[in-house]
Amino acid sequence: MLSSVVDNVPLVSACIKMFTNMDPTGLDPTYLSYFVEDGLFWHLLTFTAGVGGSLLIIGSAAGVVAMGIEKIPFFWYVKKISLIALLGYLAGIVVIWAESYCPFLM
């Protein structure tokens, strides 16, 4: 959700640096499996950073352009759209989680 206020590029960059330099010594192998290439953590990170910007209209470049071209007021967007965007955001997280824990869904 932070990506709706802060640009997602530095957020993703910070996560990449934090989790690619992990010392696996003494950590649970199941926990480490989330951070391997194409692991659950990276799926959730890309989804949340990309979609999180839609929670507020100012969180994405397309939203800022829409505000300018269509004259969409910020608080109108918060009242009418943000809840719908949040529900879609949470549903997407649930789907990603379900796919990773229920292999028969894939």
PDB file of N, CA and C in Angstrom:
ATOM      1  N   MET A   1       0.822  -1.186   0.000  1.00  0.00           N
ATOM      2  CA  MET A   1       0.000   0.000   0.000  1.00  0.00           C
ATOM      3  C   MET A   1       0.871   1.257   0.000  1.00  0.00           C
ATOM      4  N   LEU A   2       2.092   1.074   0.456  1.00  0.00           N
ATOM      5  CA  LEU A   2       3.015   2.207   0.465  1.00  0.00           C
ATOM      6  C   LEU A   2       3.272   2.718  -0.951  1.00  0.00           C
ATOM      7  N   SER A   3       3.149   1.847  -1.954  1.00  0.00           N
ATOM      8  CA  SER A   3       3.434   2.285  -3.319  1.00  0.00           C
ATOM      9  C   SER A   3       2.365   3.223  -3.862  1.00  0.00           C
ATOM     10  N   SER A   4       1.246   3.402  -3.143  1.00  0.00           N
ATOM     11  CA  SER A   4       0.260   4.383  -3.593  1.00  0.00           C
ATOM     12  C   SER A   4       0.688   5.795  -3.218  1.00  0.00           C
ATOM     13  N   VAL A   5       1.695   5.913  -2.349  1.00  0.00           N
ATOM     14  CA  VAL A   5       2.179   7.230  -1.941  1.00  0.00           C
ATOM     15  C   VAL A   5       3.629   7.442  -2.372  1.00  0.00           C
ATOM     16  N   VAL A   6       4.433   6.406  -2.277  1.00  0.00           N
ATOM     17  CA  VAL A   6       5.854   6.474  -2.625  1.00  0.00           C
ATOM     18  C   VAL A   6       6.055   5.741  -3.952  1.00  0.00           C
ATOM     19  N   ASP A   7       6.943   6.247  -4.772  1.00  0.00           N
ATOM     20  CA  ASP A   7       7.230   5.599  -6.059  1.00  0.00           C
ATOM     21  C   ASP A   7       7.662   4.158  -5.835  1.00  0.00           C
ATOM     22  N   ASN A   8       7.155   3.247  -6.648  1.00  0.00           N
ATOM     23  CA  ASN A   8       7.424   1.831  -6.423  1.00  0.00           C
ATOM     24  C   ASN A   8       8.825   1.395  -6.828  1.00  0.00           C
ATOM     25  N   VAL A   9       9.519   2.156  -7.647  1.00  0.00           N
ATOM     26  CA  VAL A   9      10.868   1.761  -8.067  1.00  0.00           C
ATOM     27  C   VAL A   9      11.820   1.706  -6.870  1.00  0.00           C
ATOM     28  N   PRO A  10      11.889   2.745  -6.012  1.00  0.00           N
ATOM     29  CA  PRO A  10      12.784   2.623  -4.856  1.00  0.00           C
ATOM     30  C   PRO A  10      12.340   1.540  -3.865  1.00  0.00           C
ATOM     31  N   LEU A  11      11.029   1.334  -3.749  1.00  0.00           N
ATOM     32  CA  LEU A  11      10.547   0.292  -2.845  1.00  0.00           C
ATOM     33  C   LEU A  11      11.008  -1.084  -3.300  1.00  0.00           C
ATOM     34  N   VAL A  12      10.844  -1.372  -4.565  1.00  0.00           N
ATOM     35  CA  VAL A  12      11.253  -2.672  -5.111  1.00  0.00           C
ATOM     36  C   VAL A  12      12.764  -2.815  -5.048  1.00  0.00           C
ATOM     37  N   SER A  13      13.473  -1.747  -5.362  1.00  0.00           N
ATOM     38  CA  SER A  13      14.932  -1.792  -5.306  1.00  0.00           C
ATOM     39  C   SER A  13      15.422  -2.102  -3.889  1.00  0.00           C
ATOM     40  N   ALA A  14      14.816  -1.485  -2.898  1.00  0.00           N
ATOM     41  CA  ALA A  14      15.207  -1.738  -1.511  1.00  0.00           C
ATOM     42  C   ALA A  14      14.928  -3.192  -1.135  1.00  0.00           C
ATOM     43  N   CYS A  15      13.793  -3.718  -1.562  1.00  0.00           N
ATOM     44  CA  CYS A  15      13.463  -5.119  -1.255  1.00  0.00           C
ATOM     45  C   CYS A  15      14.434  -6.075  -1.932  1.00  0.00           C
ATOM     46  N   ILE A  16      14.778  -5.783  -3.162  1.00  0.00           N
ATOM     47  CA  ILE A  16      15.725  -6.639  -3.878  1.00  0.00           C
ATOM     48  C   ILE A  16      17.057  -6.674  -3.133  1.00  0.00           C
ATOM     49  N   LYS A  17      17.520  -5.508  -2.707  1.00  0.00           N
ATOM     50  CA  LYS A  17      18.796  -5.457  -1.992  1.00  0.00           C
ATOM     51  C   LYS A  17      18.718  -6.164  -0.644  1.00  0.00           C
ATOM     52  N   MET A  18      17.592  -6.009   0.052  1.00  0.00           N
ATOM     53  CA  MET A  18      17.470  -6.636   1.371  1.00  0.00           C
ATOM     54  C   MET A  18      17.430  -8.157   1.280  1.00  0.00           C
ATOM     55  N   PHE A  19      16.669  -8.667   0.326  1.00  0.00           N
ATOM     56  CA  PHE A  19      16.409 -10.107   0.329  1.00  0.00           C
ATOM     57  C   PHE A  19      17.330 -10.913  -0.571  1.00  0.00           C
ATOM     58  N   THR A  20      18.105 -10.277  -1.440  1.00  0.00           N
ATOM     59  CA  THR A  20      19.077 -11.052  -2.217  1.00  0.00           C
ATOM     60  C   THR A  20      20.380 -11.210  -1.449  1.00  0.00           C
ATOM     61  N   ASN A  21      20.567 -10.431  -0.397  1.00  0.00           N
ATOM     62  CA  ASN A  21      21.786 -10.528   0.411  1.00  0.00           C
ATOM     63  C   ASN A  21      21.544 -11.253   1.729  1.00  0.00           C
ATOM     64  N   MET A  22      20.491 -12.058   1.795  1.00  0.00           N
ATOM     65  CA  MET A  22      20.181 -12.786   3.030  1.00  0.00           C
ATOM     66  C   MET A  22      21.233 -13.854   3.309  1.00  0.00           C
ATOM     67  N   ASP A  23      21.566 -14.006   4.575  1.00  0.00           N
ATOM     68  CA  ASP A  23      22.459 -15.077   4.995  1.00  0.00           C
ATOM     69  C   ASP A  23      21.586 -16.276   5.378  1.00  0.00           C
ATOM     70  N   PRO A  24      21.611 -17.351   4.594  1.00  0.00           N
ATOM     71  CA  PRO A  24      20.711 -18.474   4.846  1.00  0.00           C
ATOM     72  C   PRO A  24      21.104 -19.354   6.026  1.00  0.00           C
ATOM     73  N   THR A  25      22.228 -19.066   6.655  1.00  0.00           N
ATOM     74  CA  THR A  25      22.698 -19.899   7.751  1.00  0.00           C
ATOM     75  C   THR A  25      21.688 -19.906   8.897  1.00  0.00           C
ATOM     76  N   GLY A  26      21.239 -21.084   9.262  1.00  0.00           N
ATOM     77  CA  GLY A  26      20.354 -21.240  10.402  1.00  0.00           C
ATOM     78  C   GLY A  26      18.889 -20.933  10.131  1.00  0.00           C
ATOM     79  N   LEU A  27      18.542 -20.579   8.900  1.00  0.00           N
ATOM     80  CA  LEU A  27      17.149 -20.278   8.581  1.00  0.00           C
ATOM     81  C   LEU A  27      16.427 -21.524   8.083  1.00  0.00           C
ATOM     82  N   ASP A  28      15.155 -21.573   8.336  1.00  0.00           N
ATOM     83  CA  ASP A  28      14.309 -22.690   7.925  1.00  0.00           C
ATOM     84  C   ASP A  28      14.254 -22.774   6.395  1.00  0.00           C
ATOM     85  N   PRO A  29      14.509 -23.956   5.811  1.00  0.00           N
ATOM     86  CA  PRO A  29      14.473 -24.090   4.346  1.00  0.00           C
ATOM     87  C   PRO A  29      13.105 -23.734   3.741  1.00  0.00           C
ATOM     88  N   THR A  30      12.028 -23.995   4.471  1.00  0.00           N
ATOM     89  CA  THR A  30      10.698 -23.628   3.963  1.00  0.00           C
ATOM     90  C   THR A  30      10.589 -22.119   3.848  1.00  0.00           C
ATOM     91  N   TYR A  31      11.077 -21.410   4.846  1.00  0.00           N
ATOM     92  CA  TYR A  31      11.075 -19.949   4.818  1.00  0.00           C
ATOM     93  C   TYR A  31      11.919 -19.439   3.650  1.00  0.00           C
ATOM     94  N   LEU A  32      13.085 -20.017   3.453  1.00  0.00           N
ATOM     95  CA  LEU A  32      13.969 -19.586   2.377  1.00  0.00           C
ATOM     96  C   LEU A  32      13.368 -19.837   0.994  1.00  0.00           C
ATOM     97  N   SER A  33      12.495 -20.839   0.878  1.00  0.00           N
ATOM     98  CA  SER A  33      11.910 -21.154  -0.425  1.00  0.00           C
ATOM     99  C   SER A  33      11.049 -20.021  -0.961  1.00  0.00           C
ATOM    100  N   TYR A  34      10.580 -19.133  -0.094  1.00  0.00           N
ATOM    101  CA  TYR A  34       9.784 -17.988  -0.556  1.00  0.00           C
ATOM    102  C   TYR A  34      10.630 -16.975  -1.305  1.00  0.00           C
ATOM    103  N   PHE A  35      11.934 -16.974  -1.066  1.00  0.00           N
ATOM    104  CA  PHE A  35      12.809 -15.951  -1.609  1.00  0.00           C
ATOM    105  C   PHE A  35      13.650 -16.420  -2.785  1.00  0.00           C
ATOM    106  N   VAL A  36      13.497 -17.664  -3.212  1.00  0.00           N
ATOM    107  CA  VAL A  36      14.233 -18.128  -4.387  1.00  0.00           C
ATOM    108  C   VAL A  36      13.674 -17.432  -5.618  1.00  0.00           C
ATOM    109  N   GLU A  37      14.395 -17.522  -6.708  1.00  0.00           N
ATOM    110  CA  GLU A  37      13.903 -16.932  -7.959  1.00  0.00           C
ATOM    111  C   GLU A  37      12.524 -17.504  -8.274  1.00  0.00           C
ATOM    112  N   ASP A  38      11.592 -16.640  -8.568  1.00  0.00           N
ATOM    113  CA  ASP A  38      10.210 -17.005  -8.879  1.00  0.00           C
ATOM    114  C   ASP A  38       9.469 -17.543  -7.657  1.00  0.00           C
ATOM    115  N   GLY A  39       9.915 -17.175  -6.462  1.00  0.00           N
ATOM    116  CA  GLY A  39       9.253 -17.602  -5.226  1.00  0.00           C
ATOM    117  C   GLY A  39       8.065 -16.712  -4.885  1.00  0.00           C
ATOM    118  N   LEU A  40       7.324 -17.118  -3.892  1.00  0.00           N
ATOM    119  CA  LEU A  40       6.109 -16.416  -3.495  1.00  0.00           C
ATOM    120  C   LEU A  40       6.371 -14.959  -3.125  1.00  0.00           C
ATOM    121  N   PHE A  41       7.456 -14.687  -2.425  1.00  0.00           N
ATOM    122  CA  PHE A  41       7.753 -13.307  -2.033  1.00  0.00           C
ATOM    123  C   PHE A  41       7.848 -12.393  -3.243  1.00  0.00           C
ATOM    124  N   TRP A  42       8.548 -12.851  -4.284  1.00  0.00           N
ATOM    125  CA  TRP A  42       8.751 -12.001  -5.469  1.00  0.00           C
ATOM    126  C   TRP A  42       7.452 -11.813  -6.235  1.00  0.00           C
ATOM    127  N   HIS A  43       6.595 -12.822  -6.257  1.00  0.00           N
ATOM    128  CA  HIS A  43       5.284 -12.669  -6.901  1.00  0.00           C
ATOM    129  C   HIS A  43       4.459 -11.612  -6.169  1.00  0.00           C
ATOM    130  N   LEU A  44       4.437 -11.724  -4.850  1.00  0.00           N
ATOM    131  CA  LEU A  44       3.675 -10.753  -4.066  1.00  0.00           C
ATOM    132  C   LEU A  44       4.280  -9.356  -4.158  1.00  0.00           C
ATOM    133  N   LEU A  45       5.588  -9.262  -4.169  1.00  0.00           N
ATOM    134  CA  LEU A  45       6.241  -7.955  -4.275  1.00  0.00           C
ATOM    135  C   LEU A  45       5.884  -7.266  -5.584  1.00  0.00           C
ATOM    136  N   THR A  46       5.975  -7.982  -6.689  1.00  0.00           N
ATOM    137  CA  THR A  46       5.665  -7.350  -7.978  1.00  0.00           C
ATOM    138  C   THR A  46       4.192  -6.969  -8.063  1.00  0.00           C
ATOM    139  N   PHE A  47       3.323  -7.825  -7.560  1.00  0.00           N
ATOM    140  CA  PHE A  47       1.892  -7.507  -7.599  1.00  0.00           C
ATOM    141  C   PHE A  47       1.577  -6.298  -6.732  1.00  0.00           C
ATOM    142  N   THR A  48       2.039  -6.312  -5.496  1.00  0.00           N
ATOM    143  CA  THR A  48       1.689  -5.229  -4.581  1.00  0.00           C
ATOM    144  C   THR A  48       2.318  -3.899  -4.993  1.00  0.00           C
ATOM    145  N   ALA A  49       3.531  -3.927  -5.510  1.00  0.00           N
ATOM    146  CA  ALA A  49       4.159  -2.676  -5.950  1.00  0.00           C
ATOM    147  C   ALA A  49       3.465  -2.122  -7.188  1.00  0.00           C
ATOM    148  N   GLY A  50       3.083  -2.996  -8.090  1.00  0.00           N
ATOM    149  CA  GLY A  50       2.431  -2.533  -9.317  1.00  0.00           C
ATOM    150  C   GLY A  50       1.000  -2.095  -9.119  1.00  0.00           C
ATOM    151  N   VAL A  51       0.235  -2.858  -8.361  1.00  0.00           N
ATOM    152  CA  VAL A  51      -1.192  -2.578  -8.197  1.00  0.00           C
ATOM    153  C   VAL A  51      -1.439  -1.598  -7.051  1.00  0.00           C
ATOM    154  N   GLY A  52      -0.564  -1.564  -6.078  1.00  0.00           N
ATOM    155  CA  GLY A  52      -0.751  -0.680  -4.934  1.00  0.00           C
ATOM    156  C   GLY A  52      -0.875   0.782  -5.302  1.00  0.00           C
ATOM    157  N   GLY A  53      -0.261   1.169  -6.403  1.00  0.00           N
ATOM    158  CA  GLY A  53      -0.356   2.551  -6.846  1.00  0.00           C
ATOM    159  C   GLY A  53      -1.757   2.970  -7.235  1.00  0.00           C
ATOM    160  N   SER A  54      -2.615   2.027  -7.512  1.00  0.00           N
ATOM    161  CA  SER A  54      -3.983   2.355  -7.912  1.00  0.00           C
ATOM    162  C   SER A  54      -4.899   2.653  -6.729  1.00  0.00           C
ATOM    163  N   LEU A  55      -4.434   2.415  -5.521  1.00  0.00           N
ATOM    164  CA  LEU A  55      -5.275   2.676  -4.360  1.00  0.00           C
ATOM    165  C   LEU A  55      -5.586   4.160  -4.205  1.00  0.00           C
ATOM    166  N   LEU A  56      -4.638   4.991  -4.572  1.00  0.00           N
ATOM    167  CA  LEU A  56      -4.859   6.437  -4.629  1.00  0.00           C
ATOM    168  C   LEU A  56      -4.573   6.896  -6.045  1.00  0.00           C
ATOM    169  N   ILE A  57      -5.309   7.866  -6.520  1.00  0.00           N
ATOM    170  CA  ILE A  57      -5.136   8.305  -7.904  1.00  0.00           C
ATOM    171  C   ILE A  57      -3.751   8.905  -8.133  1.00  0.00           C
ATOM    172  N   ILE A  58      -3.139   9.433  -7.088  1.00  0.00           N
ATOM    173  CA  ILE A  58      -1.808  10.024  -7.237  1.00  0.00           C
ATOM    174  C   ILE A  58      -0.704   8.974  -7.173  1.00  0.00           C
ATOM    175  N   GLY A  59      -1.069   7.709  -6.982  1.00  0.00           N
ATOM    176  CA  GLY A  59      -0.078   6.649  -6.819  1.00  0.00           C
ATOM    177  C   GLY A  59       0.460   6.077  -8.113  1.00  0.00           C
ATOM    178  N   SER A  60      -0.100   6.483  -9.239  1.00  0.00           N
ATOM    179  CA  SER A  60       0.405   5.992 -10.516  1.00  0.00           C
ATOM    180  C   SER A  60       0.444   7.141 -11.521  1.00  0.00           C
ATOM    181  N   ALA A  61       1.337   7.026 -12.474  1.00  0.00           N
ATOM    182  CA  ALA A  61       1.437   8.057 -13.505  1.00  0.00           C
ATOM    183  C   ALA A  61       0.137   8.158 -14.295  1.00  0.00           C
ATOM    184  N   ALA A  62      -0.482   7.010 -14.572  1.00  0.00           N
ATOM    185  CA  ALA A  62      -1.749   7.022 -15.306  1.00  0.00           C
ATOM    186  C   ALA A  62      -2.837   7.733 -14.515  1.00  0.00           C
ATOM    187  N   GLY A  63      -2.842   7.561 -13.200  1.00  0.00           N
ATOM    188  CA  GLY A  63      -3.825   8.242 -12.365  1.00  0.00           C
ATOM    189  C   GLY A  63      -3.640   9.741 -12.365  1.00  0.00           C
ATOM    190  N   VAL A  64      -2.400  10.188 -12.314  1.00  0.00           N
ATOM    191  CA  VAL A  64      -2.118  11.621 -12.337  1.00  0.00           C
ATOM    192  C   VAL A  64      -2.539  12.212 -13.684  1.00  0.00           C
ATOM    193  N   VAL A  65      -2.264  11.492 -14.761  1.00  0.00           N
ATOM    194  CA  VAL A  65      -2.686  11.953 -16.096  1.00  0.00           C
ATOM    195  C   VAL A  65      -4.208  12.007 -16.171  1.00  0.00           C
ATOM    196  N   ALA A  66      -4.879  10.981 -15.650  1.00  0.00           N
ATOM    197  CA  ALA A  66      -6.349  10.967 -15.655  1.00  0.00           C
ATOM    198  C   ALA A  66      -6.905  12.134 -14.850  1.00  0.00           C
ATOM    199  N   MET A  67      -6.268  12.462 -13.732  1.00  0.00           N
ATOM    200  CA  MET A  67      -6.703  13.613 -12.937  1.00  0.00           C
ATOM    201  C   MET A  67      -6.643  14.890 -13.766  1.00  0.00           C
ATOM    202  N   GLY A  68      -5.589  15.021 -14.535  1.00  0.00           N
ATOM    203  CA  GLY A  68      -5.411  16.233 -15.343  1.00  0.00           C
ATOM    204  C   GLY A  68      -6.343  16.294 -16.534  1.00  0.00           C
ATOM    205  N   ILE A  69      -6.438  15.205 -17.271  1.00  0.00           N
ATOM    206  CA  ILE A  69      -7.239  15.202 -18.501  1.00  0.00           C
ATOM    207  C   ILE A  69      -8.727  15.181 -18.195  1.00  0.00           C
ATOM    208  N   GLU A  70      -9.133  14.309 -17.311  1.00  0.00           N
ATOM    209  CA  GLU A  70     -10.561  14.131 -17.011  1.00  0.00           C
ATOM    210  C   GLU A  70     -11.044  14.996 -15.853  1.00  0.00           C
ATOM    211  N   LYS A  71     -10.137  15.748 -15.251  1.00  0.00           N
ATOM    212  CA  LYS A  71     -10.472  16.617 -14.113  1.00  0.00           C
ATOM    213  C   LYS A  71     -11.123  15.831 -12.965  1.00  0.00           C
ATOM    214  N   ILE A  72     -10.529  14.686 -12.633  1.00  0.00           N
ATOM    215  CA  ILE A  72     -11.037  13.832 -11.552  1.00  0.00           C
ATOM    216  C   ILE A  72     -10.512  14.392 -10.226  1.00  0.00           C
ATOM    217  N   PRO A  73     -11.394  14.788  -9.320  1.00  0.00           N
ATOM    218  CA  PRO A  73     -10.926  15.285  -8.017  1.00  0.00           C
ATOM    219  C   PRO A  73     -10.373  14.146  -7.153  1.00  0.00           C
ATOM    220  N   PHE A  74      -9.332  14.457  -6.393  1.00  0.00           N
ATOM    221  CA  PHE A  74      -8.670  13.474  -5.549  1.00  0.00           C
ATOM    222  C   PHE A  74      -9.651  12.834  -4.574  1.00  0.00           C
ATOM    223  N   PHE A  75     -10.429  13.646  -3.854  1.00  0.00           N
ATOM    224  CA  PHE A  75     -11.322  13.098  -2.833  1.00  0.00           C
ATOM    225  C   PHE A  75     -12.499  12.336  -3.440  1.00  0.00           C
ATOM    226  N   TRP A  76     -12.913  12.685  -4.663  1.00  0.00           N
ATOM    227  CA  TRP A  76     -13.939  11.889  -5.347  1.00  0.00           C
ATOM    228  C   TRP A  76     -13.396  10.485  -5.588  1.00  0.00           C
ATOM    229  N   TYR A  77     -12.156  10.397  -6.045  1.00  0.00           N
ATOM    230  CA  TYR A  77     -11.525   9.103  -6.297  1.00  0.00           C
ATOM    231  C   TYR A  77     -11.433   8.293  -5.005  1.00  0.00           C
ATOM    232  N   VAL A  78     -11.024   8.947  -3.920  1.00  0.00           N
ATOM    233  CA  VAL A  78     -10.902   8.249  -2.635  1.00  0.00           C
ATOM    234  C   VAL A  78     -12.263   7.697  -2.207  1.00  0.00           C
ATOM    235  N   LYS A  79     -13.323   8.504  -2.338  1.00  0.00           N
ATOM    236  CA  LYS A  79     -14.658   8.074  -1.897  1.00  0.00           C
ATOM    237  C   LYS A  79     -15.267   7.014  -2.811  1.00  0.00           C
ATOM    238  N   LYS A  80     -15.069   7.127  -4.121  1.00  0.00           N
ATOM    239  CA  LYS A  80     -15.777   6.261  -5.072  1.00  0.00           C
ATOM    240  C   LYS A  80     -14.961   5.072  -5.583  1.00  0.00           C
ATOM    241  N   ILE A  81     -13.667   5.187  -5.652  1.00  0.00           N
ATOM    242  CA  ILE A  81     -12.852   4.173  -6.343  1.00  0.00           C
ATOM    243  C   ILE A  81     -11.900   3.435  -5.407  1.00  0.00           C
ATOM    244  N   SER A  82     -11.354   4.104  -4.412  1.00  0.00           N
ATOM    245  CA  SER A  82     -10.306   3.489  -3.583  1.00  0.00           C
ATOM    246  C   SER A  82     -10.754   2.194  -2.922  1.00  0.00           C
ATOM    247  N   LEU A  83     -11.977   2.124  -2.444  1.00  0.00           N
ATOM    248  CA  LEU A  83     -12.449   0.885  -1.814  1.00  0.00           C
ATOM    249  C   LEU A  83     -12.518  -0.255  -2.833  1.00  0.00           C
ATOM    250  N   ILE A  84     -12.987   0.041  -4.023  1.00  0.00           N
ATOM    251  CA  ILE A  84     -13.044  -0.979  -5.086  1.00  0.00           C
ATOM    252  C   ILE A  84     -11.630  -1.442  -5.432  1.00  0.00           C
ATOM    253  N   ALA A  85     -10.704  -0.489  -5.550  1.00  0.00           N
ATOM    254  CA  ALA A  85      -9.315  -0.835  -5.847  1.00  0.00           C
ATOM    255  C   ALA A  85      -8.715  -1.676  -4.716  1.00  0.00           C
ATOM    256  N   LEU A  86      -9.038  -1.335  -3.466  1.00  0.00           N
ATOM    257  CA  LEU A  86      -8.530  -2.098  -2.324  1.00  0.00           C
ATOM    258  C   LEU A  86      -9.070  -3.523  -2.332  1.00  0.00           C
ATOM    259  N   LEU A  87     -10.339  -3.689  -2.660  1.00  0.00           N
ATOM    260  CA  LEU A  87     -10.919  -5.035  -2.722  1.00  0.00           C
ATOM    261  C   LEU A  87     -10.254  -5.864  -3.827  1.00  0.00           C
ATOM    262  N   GLY A  88     -10.014  -5.263  -4.974  1.00  0.00           N
ATOM    263  CA  GLY A  88      -9.307  -5.960  -6.052  1.00  0.00           C
ATOM    264  C   GLY A  88      -7.876  -6.294  -5.670  1.00  0.00           C
ATOM    265  N   TYR A  89      -7.238  -5.383  -4.972  1.00  0.00           N
ATOM    266  CA  TYR A  89      -5.870  -5.568  -4.496  1.00  0.00           C
ATOM    267  C   TYR A  89      -5.799  -6.770  -3.546  1.00  0.00           C
ATOM    268  N   LEU A  90      -6.700  -6.802  -2.573  1.00  0.00           N
ATOM    269  CA  LEU A  90      -6.725  -7.902  -1.610  1.00  0.00           C
ATOM    270  C   LEU A  90      -7.106  -9.229  -2.281  1.00  0.00           C
ATOM    271  N   ALA A  91      -8.038  -9.178  -3.224  1.00  0.00           N
ATOM    272  CA  ALA A  91      -8.418 -10.390  -3.953  1.00  0.00           C
ATOM    273  C   ALA A  91      -7.234 -10.934  -4.743  1.00  0.00           C
ATOM    274  N   GLY A  92      -6.455 -10.059  -5.339  1.00  0.00           N
ATOM    275  CA  GLY A  92      -5.268 -10.491  -6.076  1.00  0.00           C
ATOM    276  C   GLY A  92      -4.250 -11.167  -5.183  1.00  0.00           C
ATOM    277  N   ILE A  93      -4.064 -10.622  -3.981  1.00  0.00           N
ATOM    278  CA  ILE A  93      -3.137 -11.235  -3.020  1.00  0.00           C
ATOM    279  C   ILE A  93      -3.632 -12.627  -2.634  1.00  0.00           C
ATOM    280  N   VAL A  94      -4.935 -12.759  -2.420  1.00  0.00           N
ATOM    281  CA  VAL A  94      -5.508 -14.064  -2.060  1.00  0.00           C
ATOM    282  C   VAL A  94      -5.300 -15.068  -3.198  1.00  0.00           C
ATOM    283  N   VAL A  95      -5.482 -14.624  -4.435  1.00  0.00           N
ATOM    284  CA  VAL A  95      -5.304 -15.519  -5.589  1.00  0.00           C
ATOM    285  C   VAL A  95      -3.848 -15.971  -5.698  1.00  0.00           C
ATOM    286  N   ILE A  96      -2.912 -15.051  -5.541  1.00  0.00           N
ATOM    287  CA  ILE A  96      -1.495 -15.421  -5.606  1.00  0.00           C
ATOM    288  C   ILE A  96      -1.162 -16.414  -4.489  1.00  0.00           C
ATOM    289  N   TRP A  97      -1.656 -16.152  -3.301  1.00  0.00           N
ATOM    290  CA  TRP A  97      -1.421 -17.057  -2.173  1.00  0.00           C
ATOM    291  C   TRP A  97      -2.040 -18.429  -2.454  1.00  0.00           C
ATOM    292  N   ALA A  98      -3.274 -18.439  -2.942  1.00  0.00           N
ATOM    293  CA  ALA A  98      -3.969 -19.715  -3.210  1.00  0.00           C
ATOM    294  C   ALA A  98      -3.233 -20.511  -4.276  1.00  0.00           C
ATOM    295  N   GLU A  99      -2.751 -19.862  -5.311  1.00  0.00           N
ATOM    296  CA  GLU A  99      -2.011 -20.561  -6.362  1.00  0.00           C
ATOM    297  C   GLU A  99      -0.736 -21.207  -5.820  1.00  0.00           C
ATOM    298  N   SER A 100      -0.098 -20.540  -4.873  1.00  0.00           N
ATOM    299  CA  SER A 100       1.165 -21.087  -4.369  1.00  0.00           C
ATOM    300  C   SER A 100       0.947 -22.239  -3.395  1.00  0.00           C
ATOM    301  N   TYR A 101      -0.186 -22.253  -2.699  1.00  0.00           N
ATOM    302  CA  TYR A 101      -0.446 -23.309  -1.722  1.00  0.00           C
ATOM    303  C   TYR A 101      -1.388 -24.390  -2.224  1.00  0.00           C
ATOM    304  N   CYS A 102      -2.030 -24.170  -3.345  1.00  0.00           N
ATOM    305  CA  CYS A 102      -2.960 -25.152  -3.916  1.00  0.00           C
ATOM    306  C   CYS A 102      -2.527 -25.459  -5.343  1.00  0.00           C
ATOM    307  N   PRO A 103      -1.579 -26.372  -5.528  1.00  0.00           N
ATOM    308  CA  PRO A 103      -1.026 -26.608  -6.864  1.00  0.00           C
ATOM    309  C   PRO A 103      -2.070 -27.072  -7.877  1.00  0.00           C
ATOM    310  N   PHE A 104      -3.168 -27.624  -7.436  1.00  0.00           N
ATOM    311  CA  PHE A 104      -4.190 -28.085  -8.377  1.00  0.00           C
ATOM    312  C   PHE A 104      -4.913 -26.901  -9.033  1.00  0.00           C
ATOM    313  N   LEU A 105      -4.737 -25.691  -8.515  1.00  0.00           N
ATOM    314  CA  LEU A 105      -5.360 -24.507  -9.127  1.00  0.00           C
ATOM    315  C   LEU A 105      -4.591 -24.024 -10.346  1.00  0.00           C
ATOM    316  N   MET A 106      -3.349 -24.409 -10.461  1.00  0.00           N
ATOM    317  CA  MET A 106      -2.518 -23.886 -11.548  1.00  0.00           C
ATOM    318  C   MET A 106      -2.712 -24.640 -12.818  1.00  0.00           C
TER     319      MET A 106
END
